Amino acid sequence: MASWAAFAAAFALVGLAELGDKTQLLVVGLAARHPRGPVWLGATTAEALMAALAAVAGAALLGVVPLTAIQVSVAAAFVALGLYLFWKRSRPEPPAPEVRARNVFLASFALVALGELGDKTQLAILALAAATQAPGEVFAGAALALALLMGLAVLVGDRLTKLVPARILDRIVAALFVAAGVLLALDALA
């Protein structure tokens, strides 16, 4: 029975902690610019990998690198990417080449994995796995919650492309990256 309790606790805790998180905002932005399938698959794969790392070996990373350093580095990368997207959008741009699904998957995977480093969700998974001594069940509950939330973010991003003109959407996506970086920095420094 304890294993089901660990699964349910991880599903509920991670689901609530990640709802509206910067990673979801990031995936909304990616899905607004790229095909849904590779974005969801890349984001979900990254979330599952990061959840597994947190459930099994997260404490080792925190023992070597201070959490604040990880969070501030990730925040700076997000802000830089957002500013780059603003700058890129202000320049005349040739027609965009067809983006391969593999590249969308890899970009989604890398950005979500980077965004989850030192995140509150990772710390929650780490703490819950240690407290319940059921890392497999904690991982399964967390991974299921994260997959569902990434699916929701992809659907929202896809709907935005039908409601908002591309020029405005590009600026929104850039602003989401900057906002995610600022929120992470504030969280890290609090």
Protein backbone atom coordinates (compact mmCIF):
# COMPACT_ATOMS: atom_id res chain seq x y z
CA MET A 1 0.00 0.00 0.00
CA ALA A 2 2.90 2.36 0.73
CA SER A 3 3.99 2.21 -2.90
CA TRP A 4 0.57 3.40 -4.12
CA ALA A 5 0.68 6.18 -1.54
CA ALA A 6 4.12 7.26 -2.81
CA PHE A 7 2.85 7.19 -6.40
CA ALA A 8 -0.26 9.22 -5.53
CA ALA A 9 1.70 11.71 -3.42
CA ALA A 10 4.22 12.28 -6.21
CA PHE A 11 1.46 12.65 -8.82
CA ALA A 12 -0.43 15.21 -6.73
CA LEU A 13 2.59 17.11 -5.41
CA VAL A 14 4.39 17.37 -8.73
CA GLY A 15 1.19 18.08 -10.65
CA LEU A 16 0.35 21.01 -8.40
CA ALA A 17 3.93 22.30 -8.17
CA GLU A 18 4.45 22.25 -11.94
CA LEU A 19 1.07 23.72 -12.91
CA GLY A 20 1.78 27.14 -14.43
CA ASP A 21 5.53 26.71 -13.88
CA LYS A 22 8.15 28.29 -16.14
CA THR A 23 8.65 24.97 -17.92
CA GLN A 24 5.01 24.92 -18.93
CA LEU A 25 5.36 28.48 -20.24
CA LEU A 26 8.41 27.40 -22.21
CA VAL A 27 6.53 24.47 -23.76
CA VAL A 28 3.59 26.74 -24.64
CA GLY A 29 6.05 28.93 -26.53
CA LEU A 30 7.69 26.01 -28.29
CA ALA A 31 4.33 24.52 -29.31
CA ALA A 32 3.27 27.89 -30.69
CA ARG A 33 6.20 27.81 -33.10
CA HIS A 34 6.71 24.12 -33.87
CA PRO A 35 4.75 20.90 -34.48
CA ARG A 36 3.02 19.53 -31.36
CA GLY A 37 4.26 15.95 -31.49
CA PRO A 38 8.02 16.55 -31.32
CA VAL A 39 7.56 19.35 -28.75
CA TRP A 40 5.50 17.12 -26.45
CA LEU A 41 7.79 14.13 -26.91
CA GLY A 42 10.94 16.19 -26.28
CA ALA A 43 9.46 17.96 -23.25
CA THR A 44 8.02 14.79 -21.75
CA THR A 45 11.23 12.84 -22.29
CA ALA A 46 13.23 15.60 -20.61
CA GLU A 47 10.78 15.78 -17.71
CA ALA A 48 10.92 12.00 -17.24
CA LEU A 49 14.71 11.99 -17.33
CA MET A 50 14.94 14.87 -14.87
CA ALA A 51 12.38 13.20 -12.58
CA ALA A 52 14.40 9.97 -12.67
CA LEU A 53 17.60 11.84 -11.86
CA ALA A 54 15.89 13.60 -8.97
CA ALA A 55 14.38 10.38 -7.64
CA VAL A 56 17.62 8.44 -7.83
CA ALA A 57 20.68 10.68 -7.81
CA GLY A 58 19.63 14.31 -7.32
CA ALA A 59 21.36 14.60 -3.98
CA ALA A 60 24.77 14.02 -5.58
CA LEU A 61 24.45 17.09 -7.81
CA LEU A 62 23.32 19.26 -4.92
CA GLY A 63 26.30 18.02 -2.91
CA VAL A 64 28.72 19.24 -5.59
CA VAL A 65 27.12 22.35 -7.07
CA PRO A 66 25.19 24.85 -4.95
CA LEU A 67 21.50 24.98 -5.88
CA THR A 68 21.58 28.77 -6.20
CA ALA A 69 24.42 28.55 -8.76
CA ILE A 70 22.43 26.09 -10.86
CA GLN A 71 19.27 28.20 -10.70
CA VAL A 72 21.03 31.48 -11.50
CA SER A 73 22.86 29.92 -14.46
CA VAL A 74 19.64 28.54 -15.89
CA ALA A 75 17.87 31.88 -15.30
CA ALA A 76 20.61 33.73 -17.18
CA ALA A 77 20.34 31.28 -20.10
CA PHE A 78 16.57 31.78 -20.32
CA VAL A 79 16.83 35.58 -20.22
CA ALA A 80 19.59 35.52 -22.84
CA LEU A 81 17.52 33.28 -25.11
CA GLY A 82 14.48 35.56 -24.74
CA LEU A 83 16.53 38.65 -25.53
CA TYR A 84 18.04 36.89 -28.52
CA LEU A 85 14.55 36.07 -29.81
CA PHE A 86 13.51 39.73 -29.41
CA TRP A 87 16.65 40.83 -31.28
CA LYS A 88 16.22 38.19 -33.99
CA ARG A 89 12.58 39.21 -34.53
CA SER A 90 13.58 42.87 -35.01
CA ARG A 91 15.80 41.98 -37.98
CA PRO A 92 14.42 41.21 -41.43
CA GLU A 93 14.27 37.50 -41.74
CA PRO A 94 14.28 35.26 -44.81
CA PRO A 95 11.54 32.66 -45.13
CA ALA A 96 11.99 30.03 -42.44
CA PRO A 97 13.25 26.69 -43.70
CA GLU A 98 11.29 23.57 -42.87
CA VAL A 99 12.20 22.52 -39.33
CA ARG A 100 12.84 18.82 -38.97
CA ALA A 101 10.94 16.98 -36.23
CA ARG A 102 14.22 15.66 -34.83
CA ASN A 103 15.52 19.20 -34.31
CA VAL A 104 12.27 20.26 -32.61
CA PHE A 105 12.48 17.22 -30.33
CA LEU A 106 16.10 17.95 -29.43
CA ALA A 107 15.44 21.65 -28.81
CA SER A 108 12.41 20.87 -26.64
CA PHE A 109 14.32 18.22 -24.74
CA ALA A 110 17.34 20.45 -24.10
CA LEU A 111 15.37 23.52 -23.06
CA VAL A 112 13.05 21.65 -20.72
CA ALA A 113 15.90 19.67 -19.15
CA LEU A 114 17.85 22.89 -18.62
CA GLY A 115 14.78 24.57 -17.16
CA GLU A 116 14.23 21.76 -14.67
CA LEU A 117 17.75 21.86 -13.21
CA GLY A 118 17.40 22.89 -9.59
CA ASP A 119 13.65 23.49 -9.98
CA LYS A 120 11.24 23.16 -7.06
CA THR A 121 9.69 20.13 -8.75
CA GLN A 122 13.04 18.35 -8.78
CA LEU A 123 13.56 19.14 -5.11
CA ALA A 124 10.06 17.88 -4.31
CA ILE A 125 10.72 14.61 -6.13
CA LEU A 126 14.07 14.22 -4.39
CA ALA A 127 12.57 14.86 -0.95
CA LEU A 128 9.56 12.61 -1.54
CA ALA A 129 11.70 9.75 -2.85
CA ALA A 130 13.94 10.02 0.21
CA ALA A 131 11.03 10.28 2.63
CA THR A 132 9.04 7.35 1.20
CA GLN A 133 12.04 5.26 0.20
CA ALA A 134 10.09 4.38 -2.93
CA PRO A 135 11.99 6.09 -5.77
CA GLY A 136 10.36 3.98 -8.50
CA GLU A 137 6.83 4.84 -7.42
CA VAL A 138 7.72 8.49 -6.87
CA PHE A 139 9.27 8.61 -10.34
CA ALA A 140 6.21 6.98 -11.94
CA GLY A 141 3.76 9.36 -10.27
CA ALA A 142 5.87 12.42 -11.06
CA ALA A 143 6.50 11.36 -14.66
CA LEU A 144 2.79 10.78 -15.31
CA ALA A 145 1.86 14.19 -13.85
CA LEU A 146 4.57 15.90 -15.89
CA ALA A 147 3.56 14.16 -19.14
CA LEU A 148 -0.04 15.29 -18.67
CA LEU A 149 1.01 18.86 -17.90
CA MET A 150 3.33 19.00 -20.92
CA GLY A 151 0.42 17.81 -23.06
CA LEU A 152 -1.73 20.62 -21.69
CA ALA A 153 1.01 23.17 -22.41
CA VAL A 154 1.39 21.88 -25.99
CA LEU A 155 -2.36 22.19 -26.59
CA VAL A 156 -2.39 25.76 -25.27
CA GLY A 157 0.58 26.70 -27.47
CA ASP A 158 -1.04 25.12 -30.51
CA ARG A 159 -4.30 27.01 -29.91
CA LEU A 160 -2.38 30.28 -29.60
CA THR A 161 -1.13 29.91 -33.17
CA LYS A 162 -4.73 29.93 -34.36
CA LEU A 163 -5.72 32.97 -32.29
CA VAL A 164 -2.69 35.28 -32.34
CA PRO A 165 -0.81 36.60 -35.41
CA ALA A 166 2.70 35.14 -35.85
CA ARG A 167 4.48 38.47 -35.37
CA ILE A 168 2.81 39.05 -32.01
CA LEU A 169 3.22 35.41 -31.01
CA ASP A 170 6.98 35.60 -31.61
CA ARG A 171 7.18 38.52 -29.18
CA ILE A 172 5.07 36.68 -26.64
CA VAL A 173 7.37 33.65 -26.87
CA ALA A 174 10.45 35.86 -26.37
CA ALA A 175 8.76 37.52 -23.39
CA LEU A 176 7.93 34.10 -21.92
CA PHE A 177 11.59 33.12 -22.03
CA VAL A 178 12.63 36.37 -20.33
CA ALA A 179 9.84 36.02 -17.75
CA ALA A 180 10.81 32.41 -17.01
CA GLY A 181 14.42 33.47 -16.48
CA VAL A 182 13.46 36.35 -14.23
CA LEU A 183 11.11 34.15 -12.18
CA LEU A 184 13.81 31.53 -11.78
CA ALA A 185 16.36 34.15 -10.73
CA LEU A 186 13.96 35.63 -8.17
CA ASP A 187 13.21 32.16 -6.84
CA ALA A 188 16.92 31.34 -6.62
CA LEU A 189 17.78 34.54 -4.80
CA ALA A 190 14.83 34.40 -2.38
